[in-house]
Every structure is written in structure tokens, then in C-alpha cells.
Amino acid sequence: MKILVTGFEPFGGEAVNPAWEAVKLLPHHIGNNEIITAEIPVVRYRSLNMIADLIENVHPDAVISVGQAGGRKAISFERIGINCDDYPSAGDNEGNAPVDEEIVEDGPDAYFATLPVRKMMEACRAAGVEAEISNSAGTYVCNHVLYGVRNYCSENHPGIISGFIHVPFLPEQTKNKEKKYPSMPLEDIVKGITAAIAVLDREEE
């Protein structure tokens, strides 16, 4: 199986994004899975356009998007994306700040991830990494990508499965914050994502 794994660039004033830091450390092969990685912008439509271009060039069997969820203590496997962009006032990395806007005009209200999220979560836990299933990917660019990729695949490549994984802050990101936030070492994030991706190899068999 060929798997496209994307990670977001830093945003919100952070110097790093644990999503991309982890994704770029993934091996080129996990079991029989070929792994292709890419960093994507935290920008409303540019993120989706870049992933769509990658899909057309790479022809993956699966797309896994990874993003930062500061404040969460576990790797979160997102179950659903909703057709709503509602960003903080500061907006994305180019200042886009939609309020209660549809991602896809007149599109379905929601899309479920088509990754085997429970099996992936269980594999992550079996590897000794804290993991959970999340029922809300928020309404920022992470949800935009989860929903948008599912919509793109369903309309253009229905055989491609896709979904979204949120990861916690890295320890160094929390040191100088006024509020205490949970974090996870980078090696644990990489270990958890790797274990989760290995599930897709077994699923294909």
C-alpha cells in the first residue's frame, strides 16, 4: 500500500509543529507500506489544493493528515470532519478568518474518516503510547483538511481511504507558557504514528 502522510507547518506563533517534526522522521517503509511525506501550509484552501495535487501525482492508496492539538495529552485519531470553517480571530497563517462558513458549498454536513481508527488507536496503545479516539477535529485548518480530503477523494478517487491524526505539544513547546499544558516526546509520537500506520498493512492483507 502506498500511503501519503502530511504534517502541518508551525502556526500560532510556535517555532515548530510536532506534526511535521514527527512525519518527517517516519521511515520510507512501514511493513509493506510505502510512505510518502509532505509538509503542508496552515492555510485554508492552499492546504487542500496541495494535498489534491499530491494525490494526483503520487496516486496513494491512503492519505493520513497529521496536525497539532495543543492541550491534548494523547495521540488522537479523529472519527469525523464537519463542513464548517470557524477560525479564531487571528485566522490561519495567511490571516484567513472565516466564521461559520462551509468548507464545500452545499456539501455533506460531515464525513467520517475511512481509516480504521479504532484499530489504529489500539495499535498505538499496544506500542506503549497514549492514544484515544476523538469525535471533534475542531473547526480550524485540521478539520478543514479532514473534511476536504474526504470530499475530494469521495468525488474523484473513491478507493482512497483517508483520515486525520492529532498529536500533543512537544515538551519544549510548553516550557515558557503561562498555562501548564500536557506534552509528548517526539520519539513517542513517531512510535505511535508508526504503529498505527502498520495496521493498514495488516488490513490490506
N, C-alpha and C. Protein backbone atom coordinates (compact mmCIF):
# COMPACT_ATOMS: atom_id res chain seq x y z
N MET A 1 0.84 -1.19 0.00
CA MET A 1 0.00 0.00 0.00
C MET A 1 0.88 1.25 0.00
N LYS A 2 0.52 2.23 -0.82
CA LYS A 2 1.23 3.50 -0.85
C LYS A 2 0.44 4.50 0.00
N ILE A 3 1.13 5.12 0.96
CA ILE A 3 0.45 6.00 1.91
C ILE A 3 1.08 7.38 1.88
N LEU A 4 0.27 8.39 1.62
CA LEU A 4 0.69 9.78 1.70
C LEU A 4 0.41 10.28 3.12
N VAL A 5 1.46 10.76 3.78
CA VAL A 5 1.32 11.27 5.15
C VAL A 5 1.75 12.73 5.15
N THR A 6 0.85 13.62 5.54
CA THR A 6 1.17 15.05 5.56
C THR A 6 1.22 15.55 7.00
N GLY A 7 2.08 16.56 7.20
CA GLY A 7 2.17 17.22 8.50
C GLY A 7 2.16 18.72 8.29
N PHE A 8 1.52 19.44 9.20
CA PHE A 8 1.40 20.89 9.07
C PHE A 8 2.69 21.61 9.48
N GLU A 9 2.88 22.78 8.87
CA GLU A 9 3.94 23.71 9.26
C GLU A 9 3.57 24.33 10.62
N PRO A 10 4.50 25.04 11.28
CA PRO A 10 4.18 25.71 12.54
C PRO A 10 3.10 26.79 12.34
N PHE A 11 2.37 27.05 13.39
CA PHE A 11 1.33 28.10 13.35
C PHE A 11 1.12 28.63 14.77
N GLY A 12 0.36 29.69 14.86
CA GLY A 12 0.00 30.24 16.17
C GLY A 12 1.19 30.74 16.96
N GLY A 13 2.24 31.19 16.29
CA GLY A 13 3.40 31.71 16.98
C GLY A 13 4.39 30.66 17.44
N GLU A 14 4.13 29.39 17.16
CA GLU A 14 5.04 28.31 17.56
C GLU A 14 6.22 28.24 16.59
N ALA A 15 7.38 27.86 17.13
CA ALA A 15 8.57 27.72 16.29
C ALA A 15 8.59 26.40 15.54
N VAL A 16 7.91 25.40 16.07
CA VAL A 16 7.85 24.08 15.44
C VAL A 16 6.42 23.57 15.48
N ASN A 17 6.14 22.58 14.67
CA ASN A 17 4.87 21.87 14.73
C ASN A 17 5.21 20.39 14.92
N PRO A 18 4.78 19.78 16.03
CA PRO A 18 5.11 18.38 16.27
C PRO A 18 4.60 17.45 15.18
N ALA A 19 3.57 17.88 14.47
CA ALA A 19 3.03 17.05 13.38
C ALA A 19 4.09 16.83 12.31
N TRP A 20 4.65 17.91 11.79
CA TRP A 20 5.66 17.76 10.74
C TRP A 20 6.96 17.20 11.30
N GLU A 21 7.32 17.58 12.53
CA GLU A 21 8.54 17.05 13.13
C GLU A 21 8.48 15.53 13.20
N ALA A 22 7.30 14.98 13.49
CA ALA A 22 7.14 13.53 13.57
C ALA A 22 7.05 12.91 12.18
N VAL A 23 6.25 13.52 11.31
CA VAL A 23 6.03 12.95 9.98
C VAL A 23 7.34 12.84 9.20
N LYS A 24 8.20 13.85 9.31
CA LYS A 24 9.44 13.81 8.52
C LYS A 24 10.42 12.76 9.04
N LEU A 25 10.17 12.21 10.23
CA LEU A 25 11.02 11.15 10.77
C LEU A 25 10.49 9.75 10.48
N LEU A 26 9.34 9.66 9.86
CA LEU A 26 8.79 8.34 9.55
C LEU A 26 9.70 7.61 8.56
N PRO A 27 9.84 6.30 8.71
CA PRO A 27 10.64 5.54 7.73
C PRO A 27 9.96 5.52 6.37
N HIS A 28 10.75 5.23 5.33
CA HIS A 28 10.20 5.20 3.98
C HIS A 28 9.29 3.99 3.76
N HIS A 29 9.45 2.98 4.58
CA HIS A 29 8.57 1.81 4.52
C HIS A 29 8.19 1.39 5.93
N ILE A 30 6.92 1.10 6.12
CA ILE A 30 6.41 0.55 7.39
C ILE A 30 5.71 -0.74 7.00
N GLY A 31 6.35 -1.87 7.30
CA GLY A 31 5.86 -3.14 6.78
C GLY A 31 5.95 -3.10 5.27
N ASN A 32 4.87 -3.45 4.61
CA ASN A 32 4.82 -3.38 3.14
C ASN A 32 4.31 -2.04 2.63
N ASN A 33 4.08 -1.11 3.54
CA ASN A 33 3.57 0.20 3.15
C ASN A 33 4.70 1.12 2.72
N GLU A 34 4.54 1.72 1.55
CA GLU A 34 5.47 2.76 1.11
C GLU A 34 4.97 4.10 1.63
N ILE A 35 5.84 4.86 2.28
CA ILE A 35 5.44 6.10 2.93
C ILE A 35 5.99 7.29 2.15
N ILE A 36 5.10 8.19 1.74
CA ILE A 36 5.49 9.45 1.10
C ILE A 36 5.03 10.57 2.02
N THR A 37 5.93 11.49 2.36
CA THR A 37 5.60 12.54 3.32
C THR A 37 5.66 13.91 2.68
N ALA A 38 4.90 14.85 3.25
CA ALA A 38 4.92 16.23 2.74
C ALA A 38 4.49 17.17 3.85
N GLU A 39 5.11 18.33 3.88
CA GLU A 39 4.71 19.40 4.79
C GLU A 39 3.70 20.28 4.07
N ILE A 40 2.61 20.62 4.75
CA ILE A 40 1.58 21.45 4.13
C ILE A 40 1.34 22.72 4.94
N PRO A 41 0.85 23.76 4.29
CA PRO A 41 0.66 25.04 4.97
C PRO A 41 -0.61 25.05 5.84
N VAL A 42 -0.55 25.84 6.89
CA VAL A 42 -1.74 26.06 7.73
C VAL A 42 -2.50 27.23 7.13
N VAL A 43 -3.04 26.97 5.95
CA VAL A 43 -3.76 28.00 5.19
C VAL A 43 -4.98 27.34 4.59
N ARG A 44 -6.09 27.99 4.72
CA ARG A 44 -7.42 27.44 4.46
C ARG A 44 -7.51 26.57 3.20
N TYR A 45 -7.43 27.15 2.02
CA TYR A 45 -7.61 26.35 0.81
C TYR A 45 -6.30 25.87 0.20
N ARG A 46 -5.21 26.57 0.48
CA ARG A 46 -3.92 26.12 -0.05
C ARG A 46 -3.57 24.72 0.46
N SER A 47 -3.94 24.43 1.71
CA SER A 47 -3.65 23.11 2.27
C SER A 47 -4.33 22.02 1.46
N LEU A 48 -5.61 22.20 1.18
CA LEU A 48 -6.35 21.20 0.41
C LEU A 48 -5.85 21.10 -1.03
N ASN A 49 -5.56 22.24 -1.63
CA ASN A 49 -5.07 22.22 -3.01
C ASN A 49 -3.75 21.47 -3.12
N MET A 50 -2.89 21.65 -2.13
CA MET A 50 -1.60 20.97 -2.16
C MET A 50 -1.79 19.46 -2.01
N ILE A 51 -2.68 19.05 -1.11
CA ILE A 51 -2.92 17.61 -0.94
C ILE A 51 -3.55 17.02 -2.18
N ALA A 52 -4.48 17.76 -2.80
CA ALA A 52 -5.10 17.28 -4.04
C ALA A 52 -4.04 17.08 -5.13
N ASP A 53 -3.10 18.02 -5.25
CA ASP A 53 -2.03 17.89 -6.23
C ASP A 53 -1.16 16.67 -5.92
N LEU A 54 -0.87 16.47 -4.64
CA LEU A 54 -0.06 15.31 -4.25
C LEU A 54 -0.78 14.01 -4.58
N ILE A 55 -2.08 13.98 -4.34
CA ILE A 55 -2.85 12.77 -4.66
C ILE A 55 -2.75 12.45 -6.15
N GLU A 56 -2.86 13.47 -6.98
CA GLU A 56 -2.81 13.25 -8.43
C GLU A 56 -1.42 12.84 -8.89
N ASN A 57 -0.39 13.30 -8.19
CA ASN A 57 0.98 12.97 -8.59
C ASN A 57 1.48 11.66 -8.00
N VAL A 58 1.06 11.37 -6.76
CA VAL A 58 1.58 10.21 -6.02
C VAL A 58 0.72 8.97 -6.23
N HIS A 59 -0.59 9.17 -6.42
CA HIS A 59 -1.56 8.08 -6.56
C HIS A 59 -1.53 7.15 -5.33
N PRO A 60 -1.79 7.71 -4.15
CA PRO A 60 -1.73 6.88 -2.94
C PRO A 60 -2.98 6.02 -2.78
N ASP A 61 -2.85 5.00 -1.95
CA ASP A 61 -4.00 4.19 -1.54
C ASP A 61 -4.66 4.76 -0.30
N ALA A 62 -3.88 5.54 0.45
CA ALA A 62 -4.40 6.13 1.69
C ALA A 62 -3.73 7.48 1.91
N VAL A 63 -4.47 8.41 2.54
CA VAL A 63 -3.94 9.71 2.91
C VAL A 63 -4.17 9.90 4.41
N ILE A 64 -3.08 10.14 5.12
CA ILE A 64 -3.16 10.40 6.56
C ILE A 64 -2.62 11.80 6.80
N SER A 65 -3.45 12.67 7.36
CA SER A 65 -3.02 14.02 7.69
C SER A 65 -2.77 14.10 9.19
N VAL A 66 -1.71 14.79 9.57
CA VAL A 66 -1.32 14.89 10.98
C VAL A 66 -1.23 16.36 11.35
N GLY A 67 -1.79 16.71 12.51
CA GLY A 67 -1.77 18.08 12.97
C GLY A 67 -1.58 18.17 14.47
N GLN A 68 -1.26 19.37 14.93
CA GLN A 68 -1.04 19.65 16.35
C GLN A 68 -2.35 19.98 17.04
N ALA A 69 -2.55 19.38 18.21
CA ALA A 69 -3.67 19.75 19.07
C ALA A 69 -3.12 20.07 20.45
N GLY A 70 -2.62 21.30 20.60
CA GLY A 70 -2.07 21.71 21.88
C GLY A 70 -3.11 21.65 22.98
N GLY A 71 -2.77 21.00 24.08
CA GLY A 71 -3.71 20.82 25.18
C GLY A 71 -4.16 19.39 25.34
N ARG A 72 -4.04 18.60 24.27
CA ARG A 72 -4.36 17.17 24.38
C ARG A 72 -3.13 16.42 24.90
N LYS A 73 -3.39 15.34 25.63
CA LYS A 73 -2.28 14.59 26.21
C LYS A 73 -1.99 13.30 25.45
N ALA A 74 -2.87 12.92 24.52
CA ALA A 74 -2.74 11.66 23.81
C ALA A 74 -2.77 11.90 22.30
N ILE A 75 -2.23 10.95 21.54
CA ILE A 75 -2.42 10.96 20.09
C ILE A 75 -3.89 10.66 19.83
N SER A 76 -4.54 11.51 19.04
CA SER A 76 -5.98 11.42 18.84
C SER A 76 -6.29 11.03 17.40
N PHE A 77 -7.05 9.98 17.24
CA PHE A 77 -7.47 9.52 15.93
C PHE A 77 -8.88 10.07 15.68
N GLU A 78 -8.98 11.00 14.75
CA GLU A 78 -10.24 11.70 14.53
C GLU A 78 -11.24 10.81 13.78
N ARG A 79 -12.46 10.82 14.29
CA ARG A 79 -13.51 9.99 13.71
C ARG A 79 -14.27 10.71 12.60
N ILE A 80 -14.40 12.06 12.72
CA ILE A 80 -15.32 12.76 11.83
C ILE A 80 -14.84 14.19 11.56
N GLY A 81 -15.11 14.67 10.35
CA GLY A 81 -14.86 16.06 9.99
C GLY A 81 -16.17 16.71 9.58
N ILE A 82 -16.38 17.95 9.96
CA ILE A 82 -17.64 18.63 9.67
C ILE A 82 -17.44 19.75 8.65
N ASN A 83 -18.51 20.08 7.94
CA ASN A 83 -18.45 21.07 6.87
C ASN A 83 -18.58 22.49 7.44
N CYS A 84 -17.57 22.86 8.23
CA CYS A 84 -17.63 24.18 8.87
C CYS A 84 -16.22 24.71 9.10
N ASP A 85 -15.95 25.91 8.61
CA ASP A 85 -14.74 26.66 8.93
C ASP A 85 -15.14 27.78 9.87
N ASP A 86 -14.57 27.78 11.07
CA ASP A 86 -14.85 28.82 12.05
C ASP A 86 -13.56 29.05 12.84
N TYR A 87 -12.72 29.96 12.33
CA TYR A 87 -11.36 30.11 12.84
C TYR A 87 -11.29 31.17 13.95
N PRO A 88 -10.25 31.10 14.77
CA PRO A 88 -10.02 32.18 15.73
C PRO A 88 -9.82 33.51 15.00
N SER A 89 -9.95 34.61 15.71
CA SER A 89 -9.88 35.92 15.08
C SER A 89 -8.55 36.16 14.39
N ALA A 90 -7.47 35.54 14.88
CA ALA A 90 -6.16 35.72 14.24
C ALA A 90 -6.09 34.99 12.91
N GLY A 91 -6.96 34.03 12.68
CA GLY A 91 -7.03 33.34 11.41
C GLY A 91 -5.92 32.31 11.23
N ASP A 92 -5.75 31.87 9.98
CA ASP A 92 -4.71 30.90 9.67
C ASP A 92 -3.40 31.64 9.39
N ASN A 93 -2.43 30.98 8.79
CA ASN A 93 -1.12 31.60 8.59
C ASN A 93 -1.10 32.69 7.52
N GLU A 94 -2.21 32.86 6.82
CA GLU A 94 -2.32 33.98 5.89
C GLU A 94 -3.43 34.95 6.30
N GLY A 95 -3.91 34.77 7.55
CA GLY A 95 -4.91 35.70 8.08
C GLY A 95 -6.34 35.42 7.69
N ASN A 96 -6.60 34.30 7.01
CA ASN A 96 -7.99 33.95 6.70
C ASN A 96 -8.71 33.59 7.99
N ALA A 97 -9.85 34.23 8.24
CA ALA A 97 -10.58 34.00 9.48
C ALA A 97 -12.07 33.83 9.22
N PRO A 98 -12.46 32.76 8.52
CA PRO A 98 -13.89 32.54 8.24
C PRO A 98 -14.66 32.29 9.53
N VAL A 99 -15.91 32.68 9.50
CA VAL A 99 -16.81 32.45 10.64
C VAL A 99 -18.05 31.72 10.12
N ASP A 100 -18.28 30.53 10.64
CA ASP A 100 -19.47 29.74 10.29
C ASP A 100 -19.63 29.58 8.77
N GLU A 101 -18.54 29.33 8.07
CA GLU A 101 -18.60 29.15 6.61
C GLU A 101 -18.44 27.68 6.24
N GLU A 102 -19.11 27.28 5.18
CA GLU A 102 -18.96 25.91 4.69
C GLU A 102 -17.60 25.72 4.03
N ILE A 103 -17.02 24.55 4.21
CA ILE A 103 -15.79 24.21 3.51
C ILE A 103 -16.10 23.93 2.05
N VAL A 104 -17.13 23.15 1.83
CA VAL A 104 -17.63 22.84 0.48
C VAL A 104 -19.07 23.32 0.41
N GLU A 105 -19.34 24.28 -0.46
CA GLU A 105 -20.69 24.83 -0.57
C GLU A 105 -21.69 23.72 -0.90
N ASP A 106 -22.73 23.62 -0.08
CA ASP A 106 -23.78 22.62 -0.24
C ASP A 106 -23.25 21.19 -0.16
N GLY A 107 -22.08 21.02 0.46
CA GLY A 107 -21.53 19.68 0.64
C GLY A 107 -22.22 18.96 1.79
N PRO A 108 -21.93 17.67 1.96
CA PRO A 108 -22.50 16.93 3.10
C PRO A 108 -22.13 17.60 4.42
N ASP A 109 -22.98 17.43 5.41
CA ASP A 109 -22.70 18.04 6.72
C ASP A 109 -21.42 17.52 7.32
N ALA A 110 -21.09 16.26 7.07
CA ALA A 110 -19.91 15.66 7.68
C ALA A 110 -19.44 14.46 6.87
N TYR A 111 -18.19 14.11 7.08
CA TYR A 111 -17.61 12.88 6.54
C TYR A 111 -16.94 12.13 7.68
N PHE A 112 -17.17 10.84 7.75
CA PHE A 112 -16.42 10.00 8.67
C PHE A 112 -15.07 9.66 8.03
N ALA A 113 -14.03 9.63 8.85
CA ALA A 113 -12.74 9.12 8.38
C ALA A 113 -12.92 7.68 7.93
N THR A 114 -12.21 7.29 6.89
CA THR A 114 -12.32 5.92 6.40
C THR A 114 -11.12 5.07 6.81
N LEU A 115 -10.24 5.64 7.61
CA LEU A 115 -9.18 4.85 8.24
C LEU A 115 -9.78 3.98 9.34
N PRO A 116 -9.16 2.84 9.65
CA PRO A 116 -9.64 2.00 10.76
C PRO A 116 -9.20 2.61 12.10
N VAL A 117 -9.87 3.67 12.52
CA VAL A 117 -9.38 4.49 13.63
C VAL A 117 -9.26 3.70 14.94
N ARG A 118 -10.19 2.81 15.21
CA ARG A 118 -10.10 2.07 16.47
C ARG A 118 -8.91 1.11 16.47
N LYS A 119 -8.71 0.42 15.38
CA LYS A 119 -7.56 -0.49 15.30
C LYS A 119 -6.25 0.28 15.36
N MET A 120 -6.22 1.45 14.76
CA MET A 120 -5.02 2.27 14.79
C MET A 120 -4.76 2.78 16.21
N MET A 121 -5.81 3.19 16.89
CA MET A 121 -5.66 3.61 18.29
C MET A 121 -5.14 2.46 19.15
N GLU A 122 -5.72 1.27 18.98
CA GLU A 122 -5.31 0.12 19.77
C GLU A 122 -3.85 -0.25 19.50
N ALA A 123 -3.41 -0.13 18.26
CA ALA A 123 -2.01 -0.42 17.92
C ALA A 123 -1.08 0.60 18.56
N CYS A 124 -1.51 1.84 18.60
CA CYS A 124 -0.72 2.90 19.22
C CYS A 124 -0.56 2.61 20.72
N ARG A 125 -1.65 2.24 21.37
CA ARG A 125 -1.60 1.90 22.78
C ARG A 125 -0.73 0.67 23.02
N ALA A 126 -0.83 -0.32 22.14
CA ALA A 126 -0.03 -1.54 22.29
C ALA A 126 1.46 -1.25 22.18
N ALA A 127 1.80 -0.16 21.48
CA ALA A 127 3.19 0.25 21.37
C ALA A 127 3.65 1.05 22.58
N GLY A 128 2.73 1.24 23.53
CA GLY A 128 3.08 1.95 24.76
C GLY A 128 2.90 3.45 24.69
N VAL A 129 2.12 3.93 23.72
CA VAL A 129 1.90 5.37 23.53
C VAL A 129 0.44 5.69 23.82
N GLU A 130 0.21 6.72 24.61
CA GLU A 130 -1.15 7.09 24.97
C GLU A 130 -1.93 7.53 23.74
N ALA A 131 -3.14 6.99 23.57
CA ALA A 131 -3.93 7.26 22.36
C ALA A 131 -5.41 7.24 22.69
N GLU A 132 -6.20 7.89 21.84
CA GLU A 132 -7.64 7.97 22.03
C GLU A 132 -8.31 8.19 20.69
N ILE A 133 -9.63 7.94 20.65
CA ILE A 133 -10.45 8.34 19.51
C ILE A 133 -11.10 9.67 19.86
N SER A 134 -11.04 10.61 18.93
CA SER A 134 -11.65 11.92 19.12
C SER A 134 -12.85 12.07 18.21
N ASN A 135 -13.91 12.66 18.73
CA ASN A 135 -15.12 12.89 17.94
C ASN A 135 -15.26 14.34 17.49
N SER A 136 -14.19 15.12 17.67
CA SER A 136 -14.21 16.51 17.18
C SER A 136 -12.81 16.93 16.77
N ALA A 137 -12.67 17.25 15.50
CA ALA A 137 -11.40 17.76 14.99
C ALA A 137 -11.36 19.28 15.02
N GLY A 138 -12.35 19.90 15.70
CA GLY A 138 -12.42 21.35 15.77
C GLY A 138 -13.03 21.95 14.52
N THR A 139 -12.77 23.24 14.31
CA THR A 139 -13.27 23.93 13.12
C THR A 139 -12.18 24.77 12.47
N TYR A 140 -10.93 24.40 12.74
CA TYR A 140 -9.79 25.13 12.19
C TYR A 140 -9.26 24.37 10.96
N VAL A 141 -8.02 24.58 10.58
CA VAL A 141 -7.50 24.02 9.33
C VAL A 141 -7.39 22.50 9.40
N CYS A 142 -7.21 21.94 10.59
CA CYS A 142 -7.14 20.47 10.71
C CYS A 142 -8.47 19.84 10.26
N ASN A 143 -9.56 20.35 10.78
CA ASN A 143 -10.87 19.86 10.36
C ASN A 143 -11.11 20.15 8.88
N HIS A 144 -10.65 21.31 8.43
CA HIS A 144 -10.78 21.69 7.02
C HIS A 144 -10.15 20.62 6.13
N VAL A 145 -8.97 20.15 6.52
CA VAL A 145 -8.27 19.14 5.74
C VAL A 145 -8.93 17.77 5.87
N LEU A 146 -9.33 17.40 7.08
CA LEU A 146 -10.01 16.11 7.27
C LEU A 146 -11.25 16.04 6.39
N TYR A 147 -12.10 17.05 6.49
CA TYR A 147 -13.33 17.08 5.69
C TYR A 147 -13.01 17.21 4.20
N GLY A 148 -12.12 18.15 3.87
CA GLY A 148 -11.85 18.44 2.47
C GLY A 148 -11.22 17.28 1.72
N VAL A 149 -10.31 16.56 2.36
CA VAL A 149 -9.69 15.41 1.70
C VAL A 149 -10.70 14.30 1.48
N ARG A 150 -11.56 14.07 2.49
CA ARG A 150 -12.59 13.05 2.31
C ARG A 150 -13.52 13.44 1.16
N ASN A 151 -13.88 14.71 1.07
CA ASN A 151 -14.75 15.15 -0.01
C ASN A 151 -14.06 14.97 -1.36
N TYR A 152 -12.79 15.36 -1.44
CA TYR A 152 -12.05 15.24 -2.70
C TYR A 152 -11.94 13.78 -3.13
N CYS A 153 -11.62 12.92 -2.18
CA CYS A 153 -11.48 11.50 -2.52
C CYS A 153 -12.81 10.88 -2.91
N SER A 154 -13.86 11.22 -2.19
CA SER A 154 -15.16 10.62 -2.50
C SER A 154 -15.64 11.02 -3.88
N GLU A 155 -15.29 12.22 -4.31
CA GLU A 155 -15.74 12.70 -5.63
C GLU A 155 -14.81 12.28 -6.77
N ASN A 156 -13.52 12.09 -6.46
CA ASN A 156 -12.54 11.85 -7.53
C ASN A 156 -11.84 10.50 -7.46
N HIS A 157 -11.63 9.99 -6.25
CA HIS A 157 -10.90 8.74 -6.06
C HIS A 157 -11.53 7.95 -4.92
N PRO A 158 -12.70 7.38 -5.14
CA PRO A 158 -13.43 6.73 -4.04
C PRO A 158 -12.69 5.56 -3.42
N GLY A 159 -11.67 5.04 -4.08
CA GLY A 159 -10.92 3.93 -3.50
C GLY A 159 -9.89 4.34 -2.47
N ILE A 160 -9.59 5.63 -2.39
CA ILE A 160 -8.59 6.11 -1.43
C ILE A 160 -9.23 6.30 -0.06
N ILE A 161 -8.60 5.74 0.95
CA ILE A 161 -9.07 5.97 2.32
C ILE A 161 -8.28 7.12 2.92
N SER A 162 -8.88 7.83 3.88
CA SER A 162 -8.18 8.96 4.48
C SER A 162 -8.71 9.26 5.87
N GLY A 163 -7.91 10.03 6.60
CA GLY A 163 -8.31 10.43 7.95
C GLY A 163 -7.27 11.35 8.54
N PHE A 164 -7.45 11.65 9.82
CA PHE A 164 -6.64 12.69 10.47
C PHE A 164 -6.20 12.23 11.86
N ILE A 165 -4.94 12.54 12.18
CA ILE A 165 -4.39 12.25 13.50
C ILE A 165 -3.91 13.55 14.13
N HIS A 166 -4.37 13.81 15.36
CA HIS A 166 -3.88 14.96 16.12
C HIS A 166 -2.82 14.49 17.12
N VAL A 167 -1.78 15.31 17.30
CA VAL A 167 -0.73 14.97 18.25
C VAL A 167 -0.56 16.11 19.26
N PRO A 168 -0.09 15.79 20.47
CA PRO A 168 0.10 16.83 21.50
C PRO A 168 1.31 17.73 21.21
N PHE A 169 1.43 18.77 22.04
CA PHE A 169 2.64 19.60 22.05
C PHE A 169 3.86 18.73 22.33
N LEU A 170 5.01 19.19 21.86
CA LEU A 170 6.29 18.66 22.31
C LEU A 170 6.65 19.30 23.65
N PRO A 171 7.44 18.63 24.49
CA PRO A 171 7.80 19.21 25.79
C PRO A 171 8.39 20.61 25.70
N GLU A 172 9.25 20.84 24.68
CA GLU A 172 9.90 22.16 24.58
C GLU A 172 8.91 23.27 24.25
N GLN A 173 7.75 22.92 23.70
CA GLN A 173 6.75 23.94 23.39
C GLN A 173 6.02 24.44 24.63
N THR A 174 6.06 23.67 25.69
CA THR A 174 5.26 24.01 26.88
C THR A 174 6.06 24.71 27.97
N LYS A 175 7.37 24.81 27.80
CA LYS A 175 8.23 25.29 28.89
C LYS A 175 7.94 26.73 29.30
N ASN A 176 7.72 27.59 28.34
CA ASN A 176 7.58 29.01 28.65
C ASN A 176 6.15 29.52 28.57
N LYS A 177 5.19 28.60 28.57
CA LYS A 177 3.79 29.02 28.52
C LYS A 177 3.29 29.32 29.94
N GLU A 178 2.43 30.31 30.05
CA GLU A 178 1.89 30.67 31.37
C GLU A 178 1.04 29.55 31.94
N LYS A 179 0.27 28.91 31.08
CA LYS A 179 -0.58 27.80 31.50
C LYS A 179 0.18 26.49 31.33
N LYS A 180 -0.08 25.53 32.20
CA LYS A 180 0.56 24.23 32.10
C LYS A 180 -0.19 23.36 31.11
N TYR A 181 0.51 22.87 30.08
CA TYR A 181 -0.09 22.02 29.06
C TYR A 181 0.58 20.65 29.08
N PRO A 182 -0.19 19.60 28.76
CA PRO A 182 0.43 18.28 28.60
C PRO A 182 1.27 18.26 27.33
N SER A 183 2.19 17.32 27.26
CA SER A 183 3.05 17.20 26.09
C SER A 183 3.44 15.74 25.90
N MET A 184 4.10 15.46 24.78
CA MET A 184 4.55 14.10 24.48
C MET A 184 5.89 14.17 23.77
N PRO A 185 6.86 13.37 24.17
CA PRO A 185 8.16 13.37 23.49
C PRO A 185 8.01 13.01 22.01
N LEU A 186 8.86 13.60 21.19
CA LEU A 186 8.79 13.38 19.75
C LEU A 186 8.95 11.90 19.41
N GLU A 187 9.85 11.20 20.11
CA GLU A 187 10.06 9.79 19.78
C GLU A 187 8.81 8.95 20.04
N ASP A 188 8.01 9.35 21.04
CA ASP A 188 6.76 8.63 21.31
C ASP A 188 5.72 8.92 20.22
N ILE A 189 5.67 10.16 19.75
CA ILE A 189 4.74 10.50 18.67
C ILE A 189 5.08 9.69 17.42
N VAL A 190 6.36 9.64 17.08
CA VAL A 190 6.79 8.87 15.91
C VAL A 190 6.46 7.39 16.09
N LYS A 191 6.72 6.86 17.29
CA LYS A 191 6.44 5.46 17.57
C LYS A 191 4.94 5.16 17.43
N GLY A 192 4.11 6.04 17.97
CA GLY A 192 2.67 5.83 17.90
C GLY A 192 2.12 5.88 16.49
N ILE A 193 2.56 6.88 15.72
CA ILE A 193 2.09 7.00 14.34
C ILE A 193 2.57 5.81 13.51
N THR A 194 3.80 5.39 13.73
CA THR A 194 4.34 4.25 13.00
C THR A 194 3.54 2.99 13.29
N ALA A 195 3.22 2.76 14.55
CA ALA A 195 2.42 1.58 14.92
C ALA A 195 1.04 1.64 14.30
N ALA A 196 0.46 2.84 14.26
CA ALA A 196 -0.88 2.99 13.67
C ALA A 196 -0.86 2.72 12.17
N ILE A 197 0.17 3.22 11.49
CA ILE A 197 0.26 3.00 10.04
C ILE A 197 0.46 1.53 9.72
N ALA A 198 1.16 0.82 10.58
CA ALA A 198 1.39 -0.62 10.35
C ALA A 198 0.08 -1.39 10.29
N VAL A 199 -0.95 -0.89 10.92
CA VAL A 199 -2.27 -1.53 10.88
C VAL A 199 -2.78 -1.61 9.45
N LEU A 200 -2.50 -0.61 8.64
CA LEU A 200 -3.01 -0.58 7.27
C LEU A 200 -2.41 -1.71 6.45
N ASP A 201 -1.19 -2.08 6.74
CA ASP A 201 -0.55 -3.21 6.08
C ASP A 201 -1.31 -4.49 6.39
N ARG A 202 -1.67 -4.67 7.65
CA ARG A 202 -2.42 -5.87 8.07
C ARG A 202 -3.83 -5.85 7.52
N GLU A 203 -4.42 -4.65 7.45
CA GLU A 203 -5.78 -4.53 6.90
C GLU A 203 -5.80 -4.94 5.43
N GLU A 204 -4.77 -4.55 4.69
CA GLU A 204 -4.72 -4.88 3.26
C GLU A 204 -4.60 -6.40 3.07
N GLU A 205 -3.82 -7.05 3.94
CA GLU A 205 -3.69 -8.49 3.85
C GLU A 205 -5.03 -9.17 4.09
